[in-house]
């Protein structure tokens, strides 16, 4: 019997011999009734210990693929040739449920960074204080404590929740105590928890258009009927929200992706609408730390007097996406349901990461990092706007955040999808407004400044200028 065995396999020699023999038996290369070499002979041929071969034989005997006949040797059984062959990679009879149409999106980790990086939603990792973070994380990991050896609370570590409550109250004007805060694995999990608790199949969810695709698709995944609502210079057009909407998803501090804040008049109109129709609101405040004004408008959550607003925040933009740390501030009437949803779907977060983040917040390290990063991002923002002034585009005014949207000329020329594709071939990465919209919208592009190398901004815009030049 000829047997090819890959002895470099990481699972060990015995397992490699077992897999090779099983493959030979189940594919018919060793027919039923054929006698196999003795363990001594096969071990000599393969250059391995006899014990490795003997153990592989014993496993195959126990599984019914081989039969040991005392004094006569080891033989292949009929069962071996009746066994199904090993499944091909990627093959399988199972399929997603009917109606499933979602596929994974490419992420910023899937490709090498371009020469001129205007991708959206990526902070500058070089600004993050890695040495300080490693020290905090190591200290919390060494400290251990009762929480480290037990399943944590789905709400999160108490001192993390207290630190977040202090932070959002002081930095963002949110009304929150520790009991109002629930730790999440980023903002996306917060949205998922809210959807699980509030939505039934067929419920109407109003979302901004253009808006955040992952929120739109997540609500649809839960069976909601997602209705796009237009935005204008004042943000979400409240009068266009369907009366039957069970939930409104909005980014009032820095509309994603256009960038304008929701005006105070619209904030009040939105809260009046949801009070009148019994609607819930998710306020996603994803990157307003990096504002270029002294103080943002008061959040919806602070204006809300009826407990209809769930405030969602994340550290993915202010610190690093890889931390996977976020939070939501929930009204008391939803708290137990959200905690149960978190416990049933995810259990709890990484306790030592939450402990390190609590120290990071309470020691003023986040505030220090935000000040440093804000200065760098403000510089890039000014350079980008100055460079865009040379192009036939119209930047959308924005007072915060890590990106700039710009409308393309309405009188024809290259469309945004074509422009993005051409730019990619020139190692310039940016995004099309069309990828964020579902209804009619003015065409445009979105350029991130978070991960852009300052010295590459003007050269990158010059490339875009050449692509827009008729």
Protein backbone atom coordinates (compact mmCIF):
# COMPACT_ATOMS: atom_id res chain seq x y z
CA UNK A 1 0.00 0.00 0.00
CA UNK A 2 1.40 3.39 -1.01
CA UNK A 3 0.62 6.02 1.61
CA UNK A 4 1.63 9.69 1.40
CA UNK A 5 1.71 11.28 4.85
CA UNK A 6 2.46 14.94 5.58
CA UNK A 7 4.43 14.59 8.82
CA UNK A 8 4.81 18.36 9.15
CA UNK A 9 1.15 18.68 10.15
CA UNK A 10 0.80 20.75 13.28
CA UNK A 11 -1.51 18.24 14.99
CA UNK A 12 1.26 15.63 15.26
CA UNK A 13 2.46 12.49 13.51
CA UNK A 14 -0.16 10.11 14.88
CA UNK A 15 -2.98 12.34 13.67
CA UNK A 16 -1.31 12.80 10.27
CA UNK A 17 -1.02 9.00 9.82
CA UNK A 18 -4.61 8.52 10.94
CA UNK A 19 -5.90 11.10 8.44
CA UNK A 20 -3.89 9.66 5.57
CA UNK A 21 -5.10 6.11 6.31
CA UNK A 22 -8.72 7.21 6.74
CA UNK A 23 -8.58 9.06 3.43
CA UNK A 24 -7.18 6.00 1.67
CA UNK A 25 -9.91 3.80 3.17
CA UNK A 26 -12.91 6.07 2.56
CA UNK A 27 -11.97 6.90 -1.04
CA UNK A 28 -11.57 3.23 -2.01
CA UNK A 29 -7.82 3.34 -2.60
CA UNK A 30 -7.66 0.55 -0.04
CA UNK A 31 -10.57 -1.75 -0.97
CA UNK A 32 -12.58 -3.72 1.58
CA UNK A 33 -10.84 -6.92 2.61
CA UNK A 34 -7.32 -5.77 1.77
CA UNK A 35 -4.67 -6.46 4.37
CA UNK A 36 -2.75 -3.44 5.66
CA UNK A 37 0.98 -3.45 6.40
CA UNK A 38 1.99 -4.40 9.91
CA UNK A 39 2.55 -1.51 12.30
CA UNK A 40 6.26 -2.35 12.33
CA UNK A 41 6.57 -2.30 8.51
CA UNK A 42 4.55 0.91 8.04
CA UNK A 43 6.48 2.66 10.81
CA UNK A 44 9.76 1.72 9.12
CA UNK A 45 8.55 2.93 5.71
CA UNK A 46 7.38 6.27 7.15
CA UNK A 47 10.32 6.76 9.46
CA UNK A 48 8.18 7.15 12.55
CA UNK A 49 7.75 5.30 15.83
CA UNK A 50 5.74 2.08 15.83
CA UNK A 51 3.58 3.54 18.62
CA UNK A 52 2.35 6.33 16.31
CA UNK A 53 1.19 3.83 13.69
CA UNK A 54 -0.33 1.51 16.29
CA UNK A 55 -2.37 4.35 17.80
CA UNK A 56 -3.66 5.38 14.36
CA UNK A 57 -4.66 1.74 13.65
CA UNK A 58 -6.45 1.51 16.99
CA UNK A 59 -8.52 4.63 16.25
CA UNK A 60 -9.56 3.25 12.86
CA UNK A 61 -10.46 -0.11 14.39
CA UNK A 62 -12.58 1.64 17.01
CA UNK A 63 -14.36 3.59 14.26
CA UNK A 64 -15.06 0.42 12.26
CA UNK A 65 -12.83 1.24 9.30
CA UNK A 66 -10.31 -1.49 10.13
CA UNK A 67 -10.66 -4.98 11.57
CA UNK A 68 -7.89 -6.64 13.59
CA UNK A 69 -7.68 -10.45 13.11
CA UNK A 70 -5.46 -12.08 15.73
CA UNK A 71 -2.58 -13.87 14.10
CA UNK A 72 -3.64 -12.75 10.62
CA UNK A 73 -3.18 -8.96 10.56
CA UNK A 74 -5.31 -5.82 10.05
CA UNK A 75 -7.86 -5.54 7.22
CA UNK A 76 -10.05 -2.88 5.66
CA UNK A 77 -13.76 -3.38 6.36
CA UNK A 78 -16.83 -2.93 4.18
CA UNK A 79 -17.79 0.04 6.36
CA UNK A 80 -14.69 1.95 5.25
CA UNK A 81 -15.69 1.98 1.58
CA UNK A 82 -19.28 2.93 2.46
CA UNK A 83 -18.16 6.02 4.43
CA UNK A 84 -18.75 9.41 2.76
CA UNK A 85 -15.60 11.02 1.37
CA UNK A 86 -14.07 13.97 3.18
CA UNK A 87 -16.04 17.15 2.51
CA UNK A 88 -14.49 19.51 0.00
CA UNK A 89 -13.51 22.92 1.32
CA UNK A 90 -16.41 25.29 0.81
CA UNK A 91 -18.92 22.54 0.09
CA UNK A 92 -21.95 21.77 2.23
CA UNK A 93 -25.65 21.11 2.05
CA UNK A 94 -26.64 23.87 4.48
CA UNK A 95 -27.79 27.21 3.16
CA UNK A 96 -28.90 30.44 4.89
CA UNK A 97 -32.61 30.90 5.50
CA UNK A 98 -34.85 32.07 2.70
CA UNK A 99 -34.53 35.79 2.15
CA UNK A 100 -30.95 36.03 3.40
CA UNK A 101 -29.02 38.35 1.09
CA UNK A 102 -26.25 39.78 3.25
CA UNK A 103 -22.55 39.19 2.66
CA UNK A 104 -19.53 40.34 4.68
CA UNK A 105 -18.29 43.79 3.75
CA UNK A 106 -14.61 44.43 3.08
CA UNK A 107 -12.88 46.03 6.06
CA UNK A 108 -9.88 48.29 6.42
CA UNK A 109 -7.85 45.22 7.43
CA UNK A 110 -8.54 43.41 4.15
CA UNK A 111 -6.14 45.37 1.95
CA UNK A 112 -2.90 47.28 2.16
CA UNK A 113 -3.19 50.99 2.91
CA UNK A 114 -3.15 53.17 -0.22
CA UNK A 115 -0.63 55.95 -0.78
CA UNK A 116 -3.30 58.59 -0.15
CA UNK A 117 -5.68 57.24 2.47
CA UNK A 118 -9.04 59.03 2.72
CA UNK A 119 -10.96 55.99 3.94
CA UNK A 120 -13.77 56.86 6.33
CA UNK A 121 -14.04 55.97 10.00
CA UNK A 122 -10.41 55.06 10.71
CA UNK A 123 -8.62 56.97 13.49
CA UNK A 124 -4.87 57.51 13.44
CA UNK A 125 -3.39 54.61 15.41
CA UNK A 126 -0.03 56.39 15.63
CA UNK A 127 -1.61 58.91 18.01
CA UNK A 128 -2.77 56.25 20.46
CA UNK A 129 -0.67 55.99 23.69
CA UNK A 130 0.16 52.30 23.33
CA UNK A 131 2.78 52.27 26.09
CA UNK A 132 0.35 53.72 28.60
CA UNK A 133 -2.42 51.37 27.49
CA UNK A 134 -0.17 48.30 27.77
CA UNK A 135 0.80 49.35 31.28
CA UNK A 136 -2.82 49.80 32.36
CA UNK A 137 -3.91 46.55 30.75
CA UNK A 138 -1.04 44.61 32.32
CA UNK A 139 -1.76 46.08 35.74
CA UNK A 140 -5.44 45.15 35.57
CA UNK A 141 -4.63 41.66 34.29
CA UNK A 142 -2.16 41.08 37.14
CA UNK A 143 -4.54 42.47 39.73
CA UNK A 144 -7.08 39.75 39.07
CA UNK A 145 -9.77 40.08 41.71
CA UNK A 146 -13.15 38.38 42.05
CA UNK A 147 -14.42 39.64 38.68
CA UNK A 148 -11.55 38.04 36.75
CA UNK A 149 -12.43 34.53 37.93
CA UNK A 150 -16.19 34.73 37.37
CA UNK A 151 -18.66 35.44 34.62
CA UNK A 152 -19.12 39.18 34.49
CA UNK A 153 -22.30 41.19 34.57
CA UNK A 154 -23.87 41.83 31.16
CA UNK A 155 -24.05 45.48 32.21
CA UNK A 156 -20.28 45.68 32.45
CA UNK A 157 -17.77 46.26 35.21
CA UNK A 158 -19.27 48.69 37.76
CA UNK A 159 -16.30 51.04 37.77
CA UNK A 160 -16.26 51.11 33.98
CA UNK A 161 -19.92 52.09 33.93
CA UNK A 162 -19.30 54.76 36.56
CA UNK A 163 -16.35 56.13 34.59
CA UNK A 164 -18.39 56.23 31.37
CA UNK A 165 -21.27 57.98 33.15
CA UNK A 166 -18.91 60.67 34.42
CA UNK A 167 -17.31 61.03 31.01
CA UNK A 168 -20.48 61.37 28.92
CA UNK A 169 -22.02 63.71 31.50
CA UNK A 170 -19.03 66.06 31.44
CA UNK A 171 -17.85 65.80 27.84
CA UNK A 172 -21.15 65.38 26.01
CA UNK A 173 -23.87 66.68 28.32
CA UNK A 174 -25.65 63.32 28.60
CA UNK A 175 -27.75 62.75 31.73
CA UNK A 176 -26.44 59.43 33.04
CA UNK A 177 -25.58 57.60 36.22
CA UNK A 178 -23.69 54.30 36.44
CA UNK A 179 -26.93 52.26 36.42
CA UNK A 180 -27.97 53.85 33.12
CA UNK A 181 -24.83 52.62 31.30
CA UNK A 182 -24.52 49.21 29.63
CA UNK A 183 -21.13 48.20 28.25
CA UNK A 184 -21.16 46.84 24.69
CA UNK A 185 -18.74 45.44 22.17
CA UNK A 186 -18.77 48.58 20.07
CA UNK A 187 -21.72 50.60 18.81
CA UNK A 188 -22.87 47.87 16.45
CA UNK A 189 -23.70 45.55 19.34
CA UNK A 190 -25.60 48.36 21.03
CA UNK A 191 -27.77 48.72 17.92
CA UNK A 192 -28.29 44.96 17.80
CA UNK A 193 -29.43 44.86 21.44
CA UNK A 194 -31.90 47.69 20.88
CA UNK A 195 -33.28 45.96 17.78
CA UNK A 196 -33.71 42.66 19.65
CA UNK A 197 -35.60 44.33 22.47
CA UNK A 198 -37.77 46.82 20.56
CA UNK A 199 -38.45 45.43 17.10
CA UNK A 200 -40.78 42.78 15.76
CA UNK A 201 -40.79 41.61 12.13
CA UNK A 202 -42.56 44.18 10.02
CA UNK A 203 -41.98 47.12 12.36
CA UNK A 204 -41.07 50.36 10.59
CA UNK A 205 -37.64 51.84 11.31
CA UNK A 206 -36.83 55.32 10.01
CA UNK A 207 -33.18 55.93 9.10
CA UNK A 208 -31.32 58.89 7.67
CA UNK A 209 -30.71 58.86 3.93
CA UNK A 210 -27.86 59.02 3.17
CA UNK A 211 -26.89 57.26 6.35
CA UNK A 212 -24.98 54.49 8.08
CA UNK A 213 -25.41 51.29 6.00
CA UNK A 214 -24.58 48.86 8.81
CA UNK A 215 -27.40 50.25 10.96
CA UNK A 216 -29.85 50.13 8.08
CA UNK A 217 -28.96 46.54 7.26
CA UNK A 218 -28.92 45.39 10.87
CA UNK A 219 -32.49 46.59 11.41
CA UNK A 220 -33.52 44.83 8.20
CA UNK A 221 -31.79 41.68 9.44
CA UNK A 222 -34.17 41.73 12.42
CA UNK A 223 -37.12 41.79 10.04
CA UNK A 224 -37.87 45.52 10.21
CA UNK A 225 -39.19 47.51 7.27
CA UNK A 226 -36.51 50.17 6.92
CA UNK A 227 -37.75 53.51 5.54
CA UNK A 228 -35.18 56.08 4.38
CA UNK A 229 -35.81 59.66 5.50
CA UNK A 230 -34.03 62.52 3.68
CA UNK A 231 -31.65 64.95 5.33
CA UNK A 232 -31.04 68.59 4.48
CA UNK A 233 -28.86 71.40 5.81
CA UNK A 234 -30.51 71.07 9.25
CA UNK A 235 -30.21 67.30 9.40
CA UNK A 236 -33.00 64.72 9.50
CA UNK A 237 -36.24 66.00 7.93
CA UNK A 238 -38.60 65.20 10.79
CA UNK A 239 -41.76 65.85 8.78
CA UNK A 240 -40.82 62.92 6.52
CA UNK A 241 -40.71 60.35 9.35
CA UNK A 242 -43.56 57.83 8.93
CA UNK A 243 -46.16 58.05 11.68
CA UNK A 244 -46.02 54.25 12.07
CA UNK A 245 -42.27 54.22 12.77
CA UNK A 246 -41.46 52.14 15.82
CA UNK A 247 -37.87 53.42 15.89
CA UNK A 248 -35.90 56.36 14.51
CA UNK A 249 -32.14 55.98 14.05
CA UNK A 250 -30.21 59.25 13.82
CA UNK A 251 -26.71 60.73 14.12
CA UNK A 252 -27.58 64.23 15.34
CA UNK A 253 -24.17 65.40 16.57
CA UNK A 254 -22.44 64.79 13.23
CA UNK A 255 -24.75 63.42 10.55
CA UNK A 256 -23.18 60.40 8.91
CA UNK A 257 -21.91 60.78 6.27
CA UNK A 258 -22.73 64.40 5.31
CA UNK A 259 -21.52 65.99 8.53
CA UNK A 260 -24.06 68.66 9.54
CA UNK A 261 -25.52 68.63 13.08
CA UNK A 262 -29.23 68.28 13.68
CA UNK A 263 -30.47 71.79 14.42
CA UNK A 264 -31.99 72.59 17.79
CA UNK A 265 -35.37 73.23 16.17
CA UNK A 266 -35.25 69.81 14.50
CA UNK A 267 -34.20 68.16 17.78
CA UNK A 268 -37.24 69.57 19.50
CA UNK A 269 -39.46 68.64 16.56
CA UNK A 270 -38.12 65.06 16.60
CA UNK A 271 -38.77 64.66 20.32
CA UNK A 272 -42.29 66.07 19.88
CA UNK A 273 -42.89 63.61 17.03
CA UNK A 274 -41.78 60.54 18.98
CA UNK A 275 -43.78 61.65 22.04
CA UNK A 276 -46.88 62.03 19.89
CA UNK A 277 -46.51 58.69 18.12
CA UNK A 278 -44.94 56.52 20.83
CA UNK A 279 -41.68 56.07 18.92
CA UNK A 280 -38.20 55.19 20.20
CA UNK A 281 -35.02 57.01 19.14
CA UNK A 282 -31.47 55.70 18.86
CA UNK A 283 -29.02 58.61 19.09
CA UNK A 284 -25.68 57.43 17.67
CA UNK A 285 -22.94 59.82 18.80
CA UNK A 286 -20.03 58.12 17.10
CA UNK A 287 -17.28 60.77 16.86
CA UNK A 288 -18.36 64.13 18.28
CA UNK A 289 -15.30 64.24 20.58
CA UNK A 290 -13.39 65.65 17.64
CA UNK A 291 -15.39 68.84 17.29
CA UNK A 292 -14.05 72.13 16.06
CA UNK A 293 -16.50 74.23 18.06
CA UNK A 294 -16.45 75.00 21.75
CA UNK A 295 -19.52 73.04 22.75
CA UNK A 296 -21.89 70.82 20.75
CA UNK A 297 -25.65 71.19 20.75
CA UNK A 298 -27.32 69.51 23.69
CA UNK A 299 -27.84 65.80 22.92
CA UNK A 300 -31.31 64.45 22.27
CA UNK A 301 -30.93 62.27 25.36
CA UNK A 302 -30.55 65.33 27.58
CA UNK A 303 -33.56 67.06 25.98
CA UNK A 304 -35.72 63.94 26.27
CA UNK A 305 -38.24 64.11 29.12
CA UNK A 306 -40.10 60.87 28.36
CA UNK A 307 -37.36 58.23 28.34
CA UNK A 308 -37.62 57.57 24.59
CA UNK A 309 -33.97 58.06 23.61
CA UNK A 310 -31.25 55.39 23.75
CA UNK A 311 -27.86 57.07 23.53
CA UNK A 312 -25.07 55.02 21.87
CA UNK A 313 -21.35 55.76 22.03
CA UNK A 314 -18.12 54.02 21.07
CA UNK A 315 -14.38 54.23 21.69
CA UNK A 316 -13.62 52.97 18.17
CA UNK A 317 -13.15 56.48 16.79
CA UNK A 318 -11.77 58.26 19.86
CA UNK A 319 -9.25 55.48 20.60
CA UNK A 320 -8.97 52.36 18.42
CA UNK A 321 -11.45 50.12 16.54
CA UNK A 322 -9.54 47.08 17.79
CA UNK A 323 -10.59 47.72 21.39
CA UNK A 324 -14.18 46.81 20.48
CA UNK A 325 -15.50 48.88 23.35
CA UNK A 326 -18.69 50.90 23.40
CA UNK A 327 -21.69 51.63 25.55
CA UNK A 328 -25.30 52.64 25.55
CA UNK A 329 -27.23 54.84 27.97
CA UNK A 330 -30.71 53.41 28.33
CA UNK A 331 -33.90 54.67 29.97
CA UNK A 332 -34.79 52.62 33.09
CA UNK A 333 -37.81 51.05 31.38
CA UNK A 334 -35.54 49.22 28.89
CA UNK A 335 -32.62 48.38 31.15
CA UNK A 336 -33.58 44.85 32.25
CA UNK A 337 -34.59 43.79 28.75
CA UNK A 338 -31.33 45.08 27.27
CA UNK A 339 -29.31 43.32 29.97
CA UNK A 340 -31.11 40.06 29.29
CA UNK A 341 -30.47 40.43 25.54
CA UNK A 342 -26.77 41.06 26.19
CA UNK A 343 -26.54 38.08 28.54
CA UNK A 344 -28.25 35.72 26.10
CA UNK A 345 -26.28 36.77 23.01
CA UNK A 346 -22.84 37.71 24.28
CA UNK A 347 -22.69 37.12 28.03
CA UNK A 348 -20.41 39.95 28.99
CA UNK A 349 -17.39 41.87 27.74
CA UNK A 350 -13.68 41.60 28.53
CA UNK A 351 -13.49 42.61 32.19
CA UNK A 352 -9.80 43.53 32.16
CA UNK A 353 -10.28 45.79 29.12
CA UNK A 354 -13.17 47.56 30.82
CA UNK A 355 -11.06 47.96 33.98
CA UNK A 356 -8.18 49.47 32.01
CA UNK A 357 -10.57 51.80 30.18
CA UNK A 358 -12.04 52.92 33.50
CA UNK A 359 -8.55 53.92 34.63
CA UNK A 360 -7.89 55.57 31.27
CA UNK A 361 -11.03 57.67 31.66
CA UNK A 362 -10.70 58.53 35.33
CA UNK A 363 -7.02 59.45 35.09
CA UNK A 364 -7.82 62.00 32.39
CA UNK A 365 -5.91 60.07 29.73
CA UNK A 366 -8.79 59.99 27.27
CA UNK A 367 -9.27 63.76 27.58
CA UNK A 368 -5.54 64.27 27.01
CA UNK A 369 -5.57 61.96 23.98
CA UNK A 370 -8.62 63.69 22.51
CA UNK A 371 -6.98 67.11 22.85
CA UNK A 372 -3.83 65.90 21.11
CA UNK A 373 -5.69 64.04 18.37
CA UNK A 374 -8.17 66.90 17.85
CA UNK A 375 -5.32 69.32 17.10
CA UNK A 376 -3.87 66.92 14.53
CA UNK A 377 -7.24 66.23 12.92
CA UNK A 378 -8.10 69.95 12.82
CA UNK A 379 -4.86 70.59 10.94
CA UNK A 380 -5.69 67.89 8.40
CA UNK A 381 -9.23 69.20 8.09
CA UNK A 382 -7.98 72.67 7.18
CA UNK A 383 -5.44 71.30 4.69
CA UNK A 384 -8.11 69.14 3.07
CA UNK A 385 -10.60 72.00 2.75
CA UNK A 386 -7.90 74.25 1.31
CA UNK A 387 -6.95 71.59 -1.23
CA UNK A 388 -10.59 70.89 -2.14
CA UNK A 389 -11.04 74.59 -2.94
CA UNK A 390 -9.08 73.91 -6.14
CA UNK A 391 -11.60 71.28 -7.28
CA UNK A 392 -15.06 71.73 -8.79
CA UNK A 393 -16.69 70.27 -5.66
CA UNK A 394 -18.81 71.72 -2.84
CA UNK A 395 -17.75 70.59 0.67
CA UNK A 396 -20.58 70.14 3.16
CA UNK A 397 -20.02 72.33 6.26
CA UNK A 398 -19.07 70.21 9.25
CA UNK A 399 -18.01 71.16 12.77
CA UNK A 400 -16.83 67.78 14.04
CA UNK A 401 -15.62 64.34 13.15
CA UNK A 402 -13.06 62.52 11.06
CA UNK A 403 -14.37 63.00 7.53
CA UNK A 404 -15.57 65.59 5.03
CA UNK A 405 -18.31 65.11 2.45
CA UNK A 406 -18.25 67.07 -0.80
CA UNK A 407 -20.87 67.29 -3.54
CA UNK A 408 -19.82 66.83 -7.14
CA UNK A 409 -21.00 69.23 -9.87
CA UNK A 410 -24.63 68.69 -10.82
CA UNK A 411 -24.03 69.39 -14.50
CA UNK A 412 -22.70 65.96 -15.38
CA UNK A 413 -19.10 64.88 -15.65
CA UNK A 414 -17.75 61.87 -13.80
CA UNK A 415 -20.03 60.20 -11.25
CA UNK A 416 -18.76 59.36 -7.76
CA UNK A 417 -18.59 55.57 -8.21
CA UNK A 418 -16.49 55.95 -11.36
CA UNK A 419 -14.29 58.53 -9.65
CA UNK A 420 -13.70 56.25 -6.65
CA UNK A 421 -12.79 53.32 -8.93
CA UNK A 422 -10.38 55.43 -10.98
CA UNK A 423 -8.82 56.87 -7.84
CA UNK A 424 -8.28 53.39 -6.41
CA UNK A 425 -6.19 52.51 -9.45
CA UNK A 426 -4.03 55.54 -8.64
CA UNK A 427 -3.66 54.43 -4.98
CA UNK A 428 -6.08 57.03 -3.66
CA UNK A 429 -8.82 55.67 -1.38
CA UNK A 430 -12.04 57.59 -0.79
CA UNK A 431 -15.74 56.72 -0.75
CA UNK A 432 -18.81 57.50 -2.81
CA UNK A 433 -21.90 59.08 -1.25
CA UNK A 434 -23.90 56.65 -3.35
CA UNK A 435 -22.81 53.79 -1.10
CA UNK A 436 -24.60 55.45 1.83
CA UNK A 437 -27.86 56.38 0.10
CA UNK A 438 -30.89 54.39 -0.97
CA UNK A 439 -33.08 57.16 -2.40
CA UNK A 440 -32.50 60.21 -4.61
CA UNK A 441 -29.54 62.26 -3.49
CA UNK A 442 -27.00 64.69 -4.80
CA UNK A 443 -23.88 62.84 -5.89
CA UNK A 444 -20.67 63.33 -4.00
CA UNK A 445 -17.64 61.87 -2.28
CA UNK A 446 -16.58 61.33 1.33
CA UNK A 447 -12.97 61.76 2.45
CA UNK A 448 -11.67 60.62 5.80
CA UNK A 449 -8.94 62.55 7.63
CA UNK A 450 -8.38 60.16 10.53
CA UNK A 451 -5.82 57.91 8.87
CA UNK A 452 -4.57 60.36 6.26
CA UNK A 453 -0.87 61.18 6.38
CA UNK A 454 -0.81 64.97 6.55
CA UNK A 455 1.86 65.34 3.87
CA UNK A 456 -0.11 63.12 1.45
CA UNK A 457 -3.37 65.09 1.54
CA UNK A 458 -2.51 67.71 -1.10
CA UNK A 459 -0.87 65.20 -3.49
CA UNK A 460 -3.90 62.93 -3.15
CA UNK A 461 -6.30 65.76 -3.96
CA UNK A 462 -4.17 66.68 -6.96
CA UNK A 463 -4.71 63.14 -8.25
CA UNK A 464 -8.46 63.61 -7.81
CA UNK A 465 -8.25 66.91 -9.64
CA UNK A 466 -6.64 65.21 -12.63
CA UNK A 467 -9.43 62.60 -12.64
CA UNK A 468 -12.13 65.28 -12.55
CA UNK A 469 -10.50 67.42 -15.22
CA UNK A 470 -12.46 66.96 -18.45
